[in-house]
Amino acid sequence: MKHIMANKNNHIVPYRTYVYVLLILLFLTATSVIVTNIELGTLTVTTALVLASLKSILVFAIFMHLKFDQPVYGIMTGGVIILIIIVILITFLDYFFR
């Protein structure tokens, strides 16, 4: 069991990195709340989705350690995200053409 736990690619992320990411996430959350209160038409939803995407990328990369893992995990995560986007697009296409 020790050989599984002992990984050559151990990484230590300093606490200040987590604090910086937390501050960035709080800033992006506040920005998305402010943007949704401003009437920008279709840009309101687009901006909110872009900000949410940036926040999820930060969480995946830093808190879920995808930045430090093998590239195959990032590829698999990207594939799942693309699949989710395709399903949402198909749902919207079905809704719009009824």
PDB file of N, CA and C in Angstrom:
ATOM      1  N   MET A   1       0.818  -1.192   0.000  1.00  0.00           N
ATOM      2  CA  MET A   1       0.000   0.000   0.000  1.00  0.00           C
ATOM      3  C   MET A   1       0.863   1.257   0.000  1.00  0.00           C
ATOM      4  N   LYS A   2       2.078   1.150   0.550  1.00  0.00           N
ATOM      5  CA  LYS A   2       2.937   2.324   0.607  1.00  0.00           C
ATOM      6  C   LYS A   2       3.327   2.821  -0.775  1.00  0.00           C
ATOM      7  N   HIS A   3       3.515   1.893  -1.718  1.00  0.00           N
ATOM      8  CA  HIS A   3       3.945   2.321  -3.046  1.00  0.00           C
ATOM      9  C   HIS A   3       2.852   3.113  -3.757  1.00  0.00           C
ATOM     10  N   ILE A   4       1.606   2.893  -3.396  1.00  0.00           N
ATOM     11  CA  ILE A   4       0.522   3.684  -3.993  1.00  0.00           C
ATOM     12  C   ILE A   4       0.520   5.097  -3.413  1.00  0.00           C
ATOM     13  N   MET A   5       0.764   5.195  -2.120  1.00  0.00           N
ATOM     14  CA  MET A   5       0.721   6.488  -1.446  1.00  0.00           C
ATOM     15  C   MET A   5       1.955   7.337  -1.776  1.00  0.00           C
ATOM     16  N   ALA A   6       3.080   6.700  -2.022  1.00  0.00           N
ATOM     17  CA  ALA A   6       4.311   7.436  -2.300  1.00  0.00           C
ATOM     18  C   ALA A   6       4.359   7.740  -3.798  1.00  0.00           C
ATOM     19  N   ASN A   7       4.040   8.942  -4.140  1.00  0.00           N
ATOM     20  CA  ASN A   7       4.018   9.376  -5.532  1.00  0.00           C
ATOM     21  C   ASN A   7       5.206  10.292  -5.781  1.00  0.00           C
ATOM     22  N   LYS A   8       5.923  10.061  -6.851  1.00  0.00           N
ATOM     23  CA  LYS A   8       7.088  10.892  -7.160  1.00  0.00           C
ATOM     24  C   LYS A   8       6.694  12.317  -7.520  1.00  0.00           C
ATOM     25  N   ASN A   9       5.485  12.505  -7.976  1.00  0.00           N
ATOM     26  CA  ASN A   9       5.056  13.820  -8.446  1.00  0.00           C
ATOM     27  C   ASN A   9       4.279  14.589  -7.383  1.00  0.00           C
ATOM     28  N   ASN A  10       4.647  14.409  -6.121  1.00  0.00           N
ATOM     29  CA  ASN A  10       3.977  15.171  -5.066  1.00  0.00           C
ATOM     30  C   ASN A  10       4.239  16.652  -5.258  1.00  0.00           C
ATOM     31  N   HIS A  11       3.224  17.418  -5.000  1.00  0.00           N
ATOM     32  CA  HIS A  11       3.369  18.860  -5.106  1.00  0.00           C
ATOM     33  C   HIS A  11       2.766  19.501  -3.868  1.00  0.00           C
ATOM     34  N   ILE A  12       3.346  20.574  -3.471  1.00  0.00           N
ATOM     35  CA  ILE A  12       2.851  21.311  -2.316  1.00  0.00           C
ATOM     36  C   ILE A  12       2.461  22.694  -2.808  1.00  0.00           C
ATOM     37  N   VAL A  13       1.201  23.007  -2.624  1.00  0.00           N
ATOM     38  CA  VAL A  13       0.696  24.307  -3.035  1.00  0.00           C
ATOM     39  C   VAL A  13       0.715  25.208  -1.810  1.00  0.00           C
ATOM     40  N   PRO A  14       1.378  26.352  -1.911  1.00  0.00           N
ATOM     41  CA  PRO A  14       1.416  27.254  -0.754  1.00  0.00           C
ATOM     42  C   PRO A  14       0.025  27.822  -0.451  1.00  0.00           C
ATOM     43  N   TYR A  15      -0.199  28.114   0.821  1.00  0.00           N
ATOM     44  CA  TYR A  15      -1.494  28.645   1.233  1.00  0.00           C
ATOM     45  C   TYR A  15      -1.822  29.968   0.543  1.00  0.00           C
ATOM     46  N   ARG A  16      -0.792  30.762   0.259  1.00  0.00           N
ATOM     47  CA  ARG A  16      -1.063  32.053  -0.390  1.00  0.00           C
ATOM     48  C   ARG A  16      -1.683  31.865  -1.773  1.00  0.00           C
ATOM     49  N   THR A  17      -1.368  30.753  -2.447  1.00  0.00           N
ATOM     50  CA  THR A  17      -1.999  30.470  -3.741  1.00  0.00           C
ATOM     51  C   THR A  17      -3.492  30.278  -3.558  1.00  0.00           C
ATOM     52  N   TYR A  18      -3.874  29.523  -2.521  1.00  0.00           N
ATOM     53  CA  TYR A  18      -5.294  29.324  -2.250  1.00  0.00           C
ATOM     54  C   TYR A  18      -5.978  30.636  -1.873  1.00  0.00           C
ATOM     55  N   VAL A  19      -5.279  31.475  -1.140  1.00  0.00           N
ATOM     56  CA  VAL A  19      -5.855  32.775  -0.764  1.00  0.00           C
ATOM     57  C   VAL A  19      -6.031  33.649  -2.002  1.00  0.00           C
ATOM     58  N   TYR A  20      -5.052  33.660  -2.888  1.00  0.00           N
ATOM     59  CA  TYR A  20      -5.169  34.436  -4.125  1.00  0.00           C
ATOM     60  C   TYR A  20      -6.335  33.935  -4.977  1.00  0.00           C
ATOM     61  N   VAL A  21      -6.456  32.622  -5.096  1.00  0.00           N
ATOM     62  CA  VAL A  21      -7.550  32.057  -5.885  1.00  0.00           C
ATOM     63  C   VAL A  21      -8.885  32.390  -5.237  1.00  0.00           C
ATOM     64  N   LEU A  22      -8.950  32.326  -3.914  1.00  0.00           N
ATOM     65  CA  LEU A  22     -10.175  32.691  -3.210  1.00  0.00           C
ATOM     66  C   LEU A  22     -10.547  34.142  -3.474  1.00  0.00           C
ATOM     67  N   LEU A  23      -9.577  35.029  -3.407  1.00  0.00           N
ATOM     68  CA  LEU A  23      -9.850  36.443  -3.674  1.00  0.00           C
ATOM     69  C   LEU A  23     -10.312  36.666  -5.113  1.00  0.00           C
ATOM     70  N   ILE A  24      -9.696  35.968  -6.049  1.00  0.00           N
ATOM     71  CA  ILE A  24     -10.112  36.081  -7.451  1.00  0.00           C
ATOM     72  C   ILE A  24     -11.530  35.554  -7.623  1.00  0.00           C
ATOM     73  N   LEU A  25     -11.853  34.426  -6.977  1.00  0.00           N
ATOM     74  CA  LEU A  25     -13.203  33.872  -7.069  1.00  0.00           C
ATOM     75  C   LEU A  25     -14.236  34.820  -6.459  1.00  0.00           C
ATOM     76  N   LEU A  26     -13.894  35.433  -5.335  1.00  0.00           N
ATOM     77  CA  LEU A  26     -14.811  36.404  -4.723  1.00  0.00           C
ATOM     78  C   LEU A  26     -15.007  37.620  -5.622  1.00  0.00           C
ATOM     79  N   PHE A  27     -13.919  38.087  -6.235  1.00  0.00           N
ATOM     80  CA  PHE A  27     -14.019  39.223  -7.149  1.00  0.00           C
ATOM     81  C   PHE A  27     -14.890  38.878  -8.358  1.00  0.00           C
ATOM     82  N   LEU A  28     -14.682  37.701  -8.936  1.00  0.00           N
ATOM     83  CA  LEU A  28     -15.480  37.299 -10.097  1.00  0.00           C
ATOM     84  C   LEU A  28     -16.947  37.099  -9.724  1.00  0.00           C
ATOM     85  N   THR A  29     -17.199  36.590  -8.519  1.00  0.00           N
ATOM     86  CA  THR A  29     -18.588  36.436  -8.061  1.00  0.00           C
ATOM     87  C   THR A  29     -19.252  37.787  -7.886  1.00  0.00           C
ATOM     88  N   ALA A  30     -18.556  38.721  -7.261  1.00  0.00           N
ATOM     89  CA  ALA A  30     -19.110  40.071  -7.098  1.00  0.00           C
ATOM     90  C   ALA A  30     -19.343  40.728  -8.457  1.00  0.00           C
ATOM     91  N   THR A  31     -18.416  40.528  -9.375  1.00  0.00           N
ATOM     92  CA  THR A  31     -18.565  41.094 -10.716  1.00  0.00           C
ATOM     93  C   THR A  31     -19.777  40.502 -11.421  1.00  0.00           C
ATOM     94  N   SER A  32     -19.983  39.202 -11.288  1.00  0.00           N
ATOM     95  CA  SER A  32     -21.137  38.595 -11.950  1.00  0.00           C
ATOM     96  C   SER A  32     -22.448  39.069 -11.331  1.00  0.00           C
ATOM     97  N   VAL A  33     -22.477  39.290 -10.021  1.00  0.00           N
ATOM     98  CA  VAL A  33     -23.684  39.822  -9.385  1.00  0.00           C
ATOM     99  C   VAL A  33     -23.956  41.247  -9.868  1.00  0.00           C
ATOM    100  N   ILE A  34     -22.918  42.044  -9.969  1.00  0.00           N
ATOM    101  CA  ILE A  34     -23.078  43.426 -10.438  1.00  0.00           C
ATOM    102  C   ILE A  34     -23.542  43.437 -11.888  1.00  0.00           C
ATOM    103  N   VAL A  35     -22.965  42.581 -12.718  1.00  0.00           N
ATOM    104  CA  VAL A  35     -23.317  42.553 -14.146  1.00  0.00           C
ATOM    105  C   VAL A  35     -24.763  42.108 -14.342  1.00  0.00           C
ATOM    106  N   THR A  36     -25.213  41.143 -13.545  1.00  0.00           N
ATOM    107  CA  THR A  36     -26.592  40.680 -13.717  1.00  0.00           C
ATOM    108  C   THR A  36     -27.606  41.712 -13.263  1.00  0.00           C
ATOM    109  N   ASN A  37     -27.198  42.672 -12.450  1.00  0.00           N
ATOM    110  CA  ASN A  37     -28.103  43.749 -12.046  1.00  0.00           C
ATOM    111  C   ASN A  37     -28.144  44.892 -13.049  1.00  0.00           C
ATOM    112  N   ILE A  38     -27.242  44.879 -14.019  1.00  0.00           N
ATOM    113  CA  ILE A  38     -27.220  45.891 -15.076  1.00  0.00           C
ATOM    114  C   ILE A  38     -27.907  45.300 -16.292  1.00  0.00           C
ATOM    115  N   GLU A  39     -28.768  46.064 -16.921  1.00  0.00           N
ATOM    116  CA  GLU A  39     -29.496  45.582 -18.102  1.00  0.00           C
ATOM    117  C   GLU A  39     -28.624  45.742 -19.340  1.00  0.00           C
ATOM    118  N   LEU A  40     -28.059  44.639 -19.801  1.00  0.00           N
ATOM    119  CA  LEU A  40     -27.209  44.655 -20.996  1.00  0.00           C
ATOM    120  C   LEU A  40     -27.813  43.843 -22.136  1.00  0.00           C
ATOM    121  N   GLY A  41     -29.054  43.436 -21.990  1.00  0.00           N
ATOM    122  CA  GLY A  41     -29.681  42.615 -23.022  1.00  0.00           C
ATOM    123  C   GLY A  41     -29.118  41.207 -22.989  1.00  0.00           C
ATOM    124  N   THR A  42     -28.783  40.693 -24.176  1.00  0.00           N
ATOM    125  CA  THR A  42     -28.248  39.327 -24.245  1.00  0.00           C
ATOM    126  C   THR A  42     -26.824  39.236 -23.686  1.00  0.00           C
ATOM    127  N   LEU A  43     -26.147  40.354 -23.587  1.00  0.00           N
ATOM    128  CA  LEU A  43     -24.785  40.334 -23.040  1.00  0.00           C
ATOM    129  C   LEU A  43     -24.779  40.037 -21.546  1.00  0.00           C
ATOM    130  N   THR A  44     -25.891  40.251 -20.864  1.00  0.00           N
ATOM    131  CA  THR A  44     -25.951  39.967 -19.433  1.00  0.00           C
ATOM    132  C   THR A  44     -25.721  38.484 -19.171  1.00  0.00           C
ATOM    133  N   VAL A  45     -26.466  37.650 -19.867  1.00  0.00           N
ATOM    134  CA  VAL A  45     -26.326  36.202 -19.677  1.00  0.00           C
ATOM    135  C   VAL A  45     -24.973  35.729 -20.180  1.00  0.00           C
ATOM    136  N   THR A  46     -24.539  36.250 -21.310  1.00  0.00           N
ATOM    137  CA  THR A  46     -23.238  35.856 -21.865  1.00  0.00           C
ATOM    138  C   THR A  46     -22.106  36.195 -20.898  1.00  0.00           C
ATOM    139  N   THR A  47     -22.134  37.399 -20.350  1.00  0.00           N
ATOM    140  CA  THR A  47     -21.094  37.809 -19.406  1.00  0.00           C
ATOM    141  C   THR A  47     -21.121  36.954 -18.150  1.00  0.00           C
ATOM    142  N   ALA A  48     -22.313  36.674 -17.642  1.00  0.00           N
ATOM    143  CA  ALA A  48     -22.422  35.842 -16.443  1.00  0.00           C
ATOM    144  C   ALA A  48     -21.892  34.432 -16.705  1.00  0.00           C
ATOM    145  N   LEU A  49     -22.176  33.878 -17.888  1.00  0.00           N
ATOM    146  CA  LEU A  49     -21.679  32.546 -18.218  1.00  0.00           C
ATOM    147  C   LEU A  49     -20.166  32.528 -18.403  1.00  0.00           C
ATOM    148  N   VAL A  50     -19.614  33.571 -18.990  1.00  0.00           N
ATOM    149  CA  VAL A  50     -18.157  33.642 -19.155  1.00  0.00           C
ATOM    150  C   VAL A  50     -17.478  33.728 -17.791  1.00  0.00           C
ATOM    151  N   LEU A  51     -18.025  34.549 -16.898  1.00  0.00           N
ATOM    152  CA  LEU A  51     -17.448  34.660 -15.560  1.00  0.00           C
ATOM    153  C   LEU A  51     -17.569  33.341 -14.792  1.00  0.00           C
ATOM    154  N   ALA A  52     -18.702  32.658 -14.939  1.00  0.00           N
ATOM    155  CA  ALA A  52     -18.868  31.351 -14.285  1.00  0.00           C
ATOM    156  C   ALA A  52     -17.884  30.331 -14.850  1.00  0.00           C
ATOM    157  N   SER A  53     -17.622  30.405 -16.152  1.00  0.00           N
ATOM    158  CA  SER A  53     -16.654  29.491 -16.764  1.00  0.00           C
ATOM    159  C   SER A  53     -15.249  29.747 -16.232  1.00  0.00           C
ATOM    160  N   LEU A  54     -14.886  31.005 -16.095  1.00  0.00           N
ATOM    161  CA  LEU A  54     -13.571  31.339 -15.539  1.00  0.00           C
ATOM    162  C   LEU A  54     -13.433  30.818 -14.108  1.00  0.00           C
ATOM    163  N   LYS A  55     -14.495  30.970 -13.335  1.00  0.00           N
ATOM    164  CA  LYS A  55     -14.454  30.485 -11.961  1.00  0.00           C
ATOM    165  C   LYS A  55     -14.320  28.965 -11.923  1.00  0.00           C
ATOM    166  N   SER A  56     -15.031  28.271 -12.788  1.00  0.00           N
ATOM    167  CA  SER A  56     -14.933  26.810 -12.779  1.00  0.00           C
ATOM    168  C   SER A  56     -13.550  26.347 -13.240  1.00  0.00           C
ATOM    169  N   ILE A  57     -12.948  27.043 -14.180  1.00  0.00           N
ATOM    170  CA  ILE A  57     -11.589  26.693 -14.622  1.00  0.00           C
ATOM    171  C   ILE A  57     -10.604  26.845 -13.465  1.00  0.00           C
ATOM    172  N   LEU A  58     -10.743  27.923 -12.702  1.00  0.00           N
ATOM    173  CA  LEU A  58      -9.874  28.115 -11.538  1.00  0.00           C
ATOM    174  C   LEU A  58     -10.058  27.001 -10.508  1.00  0.00           C
ATOM    175  N   VAL A  59     -11.291  26.637 -10.251  1.00  0.00           N
ATOM    176  CA  VAL A  59     -11.557  25.578  -9.268  1.00  0.00           C
ATOM    177  C   VAL A  59     -10.994  24.255  -9.760  1.00  0.00           C
ATOM    178  N   PHE A  60     -11.235  23.931 -11.038  1.00  0.00           N
ATOM    179  CA  PHE A  60     -10.695  22.681 -11.588  1.00  0.00           C
ATOM    180  C   PHE A  60      -9.176  22.661 -11.510  1.00  0.00           C
ATOM    181  N   ALA A  61      -8.537  23.742 -11.915  1.00  0.00           N
ATOM    182  CA  ALA A  61      -7.078  23.759 -12.012  1.00  0.00           C
ATOM    183  C   ALA A  61      -6.402  23.743 -10.647  1.00  0.00           C
ATOM    184  N   ILE A  62      -6.880  24.562  -9.730  1.00  0.00           N
ATOM    185  CA  ILE A  62      -6.162  24.716  -8.465  1.00  0.00           C
ATOM    186  C   ILE A  62      -6.717  23.801  -7.375  1.00  0.00           C
ATOM    187  N   PHE A  63      -8.004  23.907  -7.080  1.00  0.00           N
ATOM    188  CA  PHE A  63      -8.557  23.146  -5.963  1.00  0.00           C
ATOM    189  C   PHE A  63      -8.686  21.660  -6.272  1.00  0.00           C
ATOM    190  N   MET A  64      -8.938  21.304  -7.518  1.00  0.00           N
ATOM    191  CA  MET A  64      -9.027  19.893  -7.877  1.00  0.00           C
ATOM    192  C   MET A  64      -7.692  19.367  -8.414  1.00  0.00           C
ATOM    193  N   HIS A  65      -6.676  20.192  -8.399  1.00  0.00           N
ATOM    194  CA  HIS A  65      -5.295  19.831  -8.737  1.00  0.00           C
ATOM    195  C   HIS A  65      -5.115  19.320 -10.164  1.00  0.00           C
ATOM    196  N   LEU A  66      -5.964  19.726 -11.090  1.00  0.00           N
ATOM    197  CA  LEU A  66      -5.771  19.312 -12.484  1.00  0.00           C
ATOM    198  C   LEU A  66      -4.517  19.932 -13.078  1.00  0.00           C
ATOM    199  N   LYS A  67      -4.115  21.070 -12.540  1.00  0.00           N
ATOM    200  CA  LYS A  67      -2.897  21.719 -13.022  1.00  0.00           C
ATOM    201  C   LYS A  67      -1.665  20.854 -12.760  1.00  0.00           C
ATOM    202  N   PHE A  68      -1.728  20.053 -11.715  1.00  0.00           N
ATOM    203  CA  PHE A  68      -0.561  19.286 -11.302  1.00  0.00           C
ATOM    204  C   PHE A  68      -0.650  17.809 -11.670  1.00  0.00           C
ATOM    205  N   ASP A  69      -1.818  17.358 -12.145  1.00  0.00           N
ATOM    206  CA  ASP A  69      -1.997  15.948 -12.473  1.00  0.00           C
ATOM    207  C   ASP A  69      -1.527  15.651 -13.893  1.00  0.00           C
ATOM    208  N   GLN A  70      -1.656  14.389 -14.253  1.00  0.00           N
ATOM    209  CA  GLN A  70      -1.304  13.973 -15.603  1.00  0.00           C
ATOM    210  C   GLN A  70      -2.262  14.610 -16.601  1.00  0.00           C
ATOM    211  N   PRO A  71      -1.782  14.928 -17.796  1.00  0.00           N
ATOM    212  CA  PRO A  71      -2.626  15.604 -18.792  1.00  0.00           C
ATOM    213  C   PRO A  71      -3.880  14.830 -19.183  1.00  0.00           C
ATOM    214  N   VAL A  72      -3.869  13.510 -19.025  1.00  0.00           N
ATOM    215  CA  VAL A  72      -5.031  12.718 -19.428  1.00  0.00           C
ATOM    216  C   VAL A  72      -6.263  13.118 -18.606  1.00  0.00           C
ATOM    217  N   TYR A  73      -6.075  13.502 -17.357  1.00  0.00           N
ATOM    218  CA  TYR A  73      -7.216  13.908 -16.532  1.00  0.00           C
ATOM    219  C   TYR A  73      -7.817  15.218 -17.023  1.00  0.00           C
ATOM    220  N   GLY A  74      -6.977  16.121 -17.443  1.00  0.00           N
ATOM    221  CA  GLY A  74      -7.474  17.370 -18.026  1.00  0.00           C
ATOM    222  C   GLY A  74      -8.223  17.128 -19.323  1.00  0.00           C
ATOM    223  N   ILE A  75      -7.716  16.189 -20.125  1.00  0.00           N
ATOM    224  CA  ILE A  75      -8.381  15.851 -21.390  1.00  0.00           C
ATOM    225  C   ILE A  75      -9.738  15.224 -21.116  1.00  0.00           C
ATOM    226  N   MET A  76      -9.800  14.323 -20.146  1.00  0.00           N
ATOM    227  CA  MET A  76     -11.084  13.699 -19.812  1.00  0.00           C
ATOM    228  C   MET A  76     -12.072  14.724 -19.258  1.00  0.00           C
ATOM    229  N   THR A  77     -11.600  15.626 -18.418  1.00  0.00           N
ATOM    230  CA  THR A  77     -12.468  16.672 -17.879  1.00  0.00           C
ATOM    231  C   THR A  77     -12.972  17.570 -18.997  1.00  0.00           C
ATOM    232  N   GLY A  78     -12.094  17.941 -19.904  1.00  0.00           N
ATOM    233  CA  GLY A  78     -12.509  18.753 -21.049  1.00  0.00           C
ATOM    234  C   GLY A  78     -13.537  18.035 -21.911  1.00  0.00           C
ATOM    235  N   GLY A  79     -13.355  16.733 -22.101  1.00  0.00           N
ATOM    236  CA  GLY A  79     -14.320  15.952 -22.880  1.00  0.00           C
ATOM    237  C   GLY A  79     -15.697  15.938 -22.238  1.00  0.00           C
ATOM    238  N   VAL A  80     -15.739  15.798 -20.921  1.00  0.00           N
ATOM    239  CA  VAL A  80     -17.024  15.813 -20.217  1.00  0.00           C
ATOM    240  C   VAL A  80     -17.684  17.177 -20.330  1.00  0.00           C
ATOM    241  N   ILE A  81     -16.901  18.234 -20.219  1.00  0.00           N
ATOM    242  CA  ILE A  81     -17.452  19.588 -20.340  1.00  0.00           C
ATOM    243  C   ILE A  81     -17.992  19.820 -21.746  1.00  0.00           C
ATOM    244  N   ILE A  82     -17.276  19.355 -22.756  1.00  0.00           N
ATOM    245  CA  ILE A  82     -17.761  19.481 -24.136  1.00  0.00           C
ATOM    246  C   ILE A  82     -19.058  18.702 -24.318  1.00  0.00           C
ATOM    247  N   LEU A  83     -19.141  17.520 -23.726  1.00  0.00           N
ATOM    248  CA  LEU A  83     -20.368  16.729 -23.807  1.00  0.00           C
ATOM    249  C   LEU A  83     -21.538  17.461 -23.148  1.00  0.00           C
ATOM    250  N   ILE A  84     -21.301  18.072 -22.014  1.00  0.00           N
ATOM    251  CA  ILE A  84     -22.356  18.842 -21.341  1.00  0.00           C
ATOM    252  C   ILE A  84     -22.813  20.001 -22.219  1.00  0.00           C
ATOM    253  N   ILE A  85     -21.865  20.692 -22.850  1.00  0.00           N
ATOM    254  CA  ILE A  85     -22.211  21.805 -23.736  1.00  0.00           C
ATOM    255  C   ILE A  85     -23.049  21.317 -24.907  1.00  0.00           C
ATOM    256  N   ILE A  86     -22.699  20.180 -25.477  1.00  0.00           N
ATOM    257  CA  ILE A  86     -23.461  19.623 -26.609  1.00  0.00           C
ATOM    258  C   ILE A  86     -24.884  19.289 -26.172  1.00  0.00           C
ATOM    259  N   VAL A  87     -25.036  18.676 -25.007  1.00  0.00           N
ATOM    260  CA  VAL A  87     -26.376  18.326 -24.518  1.00  0.00           C
ATOM    261  C   VAL A  87     -27.214  19.583 -24.287  1.00  0.00           C
ATOM    262  N   ILE A  88     -26.608  20.614 -23.720  1.00  0.00           N
ATOM    263  CA  ILE A  88     -27.338  21.872 -23.502  1.00  0.00           C
ATOM    264  C   ILE A  88     -27.724  22.496 -24.836  1.00  0.00           C
ATOM    265  N   LEU A  89     -26.817  22.497 -25.815  1.00  0.00           N
ATOM    266  CA  LEU A  89     -27.146  23.061 -27.132  1.00  0.00           C
ATOM    267  C   LEU A  89     -28.277  22.288 -27.807  1.00  0.00           C
ATOM    268  N   ILE A  90     -28.249  20.971 -27.719  1.00  0.00           N
ATOM    269  CA  ILE A  90     -29.323  20.171 -28.312  1.00  0.00           C
ATOM    270  C   ILE A  90     -30.649  20.476 -27.620  1.00  0.00           C
ATOM    271  N   THR A  91     -30.602  20.651 -26.304  1.00  0.00           N
ATOM    272  CA  THR A  91     -31.826  20.994 -25.566  1.00  0.00           C
ATOM    273  C   THR A  91     -32.384  22.334 -26.032  1.00  0.00           C
ATOM    274  N   PHE A  92     -31.523  23.323 -26.190  1.00  0.00           N
ATOM    275  CA  PHE A  92     -31.976  24.640 -26.644  1.00  0.00           C
ATOM    276  C   PHE A  92     -32.486  24.575 -28.077  1.00  0.00           C
ATOM    277  N   LEU A  93     -31.835  23.807 -28.937  1.00  0.00           N
ATOM    278  CA  LEU A  93     -32.315  23.670 -30.308  1.00  0.00           C
ATOM    279  C   LEU A  93     -33.711  23.034 -30.326  1.00  0.00           C
ATOM    280  N   ASP A  94     -33.932  22.037 -29.511  1.00  0.00           N
ATOM    281  CA  ASP A  94     -35.247  21.420 -29.421  1.00  0.00           C
ATOM    282  C   ASP A  94     -36.277  22.421 -28.926  1.00  0.00           C
ATOM    283  N   TYR A  95     -35.895  23.236 -27.960  1.00  0.00           N
ATOM    284  CA  TYR A  95     -36.812  24.231 -27.392  1.00  0.00           C
ATOM    285  C   TYR A  95     -37.142  25.320 -28.426  1.00  0.00           C
ATOM    286  N   PHE A  96     -36.159  25.782 -29.161  1.00  0.00           N
ATOM    287  CA  PHE A  96     -36.365  26.890 -30.114  1.00  0.00           C
ATOM    288  C   PHE A  96     -37.156  26.473 -31.345  1.00  0.00           C
ATOM    289  N   PHE A  97     -37.082  25.226 -31.759  1.00  0.00           N
ATOM    290  CA  PHE A  97     -37.742  24.805 -32.990  1.00  0.00           C
ATOM    291  C   PHE A  97     -39.010  24.003 -32.744  1.00  0.00           C
ATOM    292  N   ARG A  98     -39.659  24.221 -31.655  1.00  0.00           N
ATOM    293  CA  ARG A  98     -40.958  23.579 -31.392  1.00  0.00           C
ATOM    294  C   ARG A  98     -42.058  24.405 -31.957  1.00  0.00           C
TER     295      ARG A  98
END
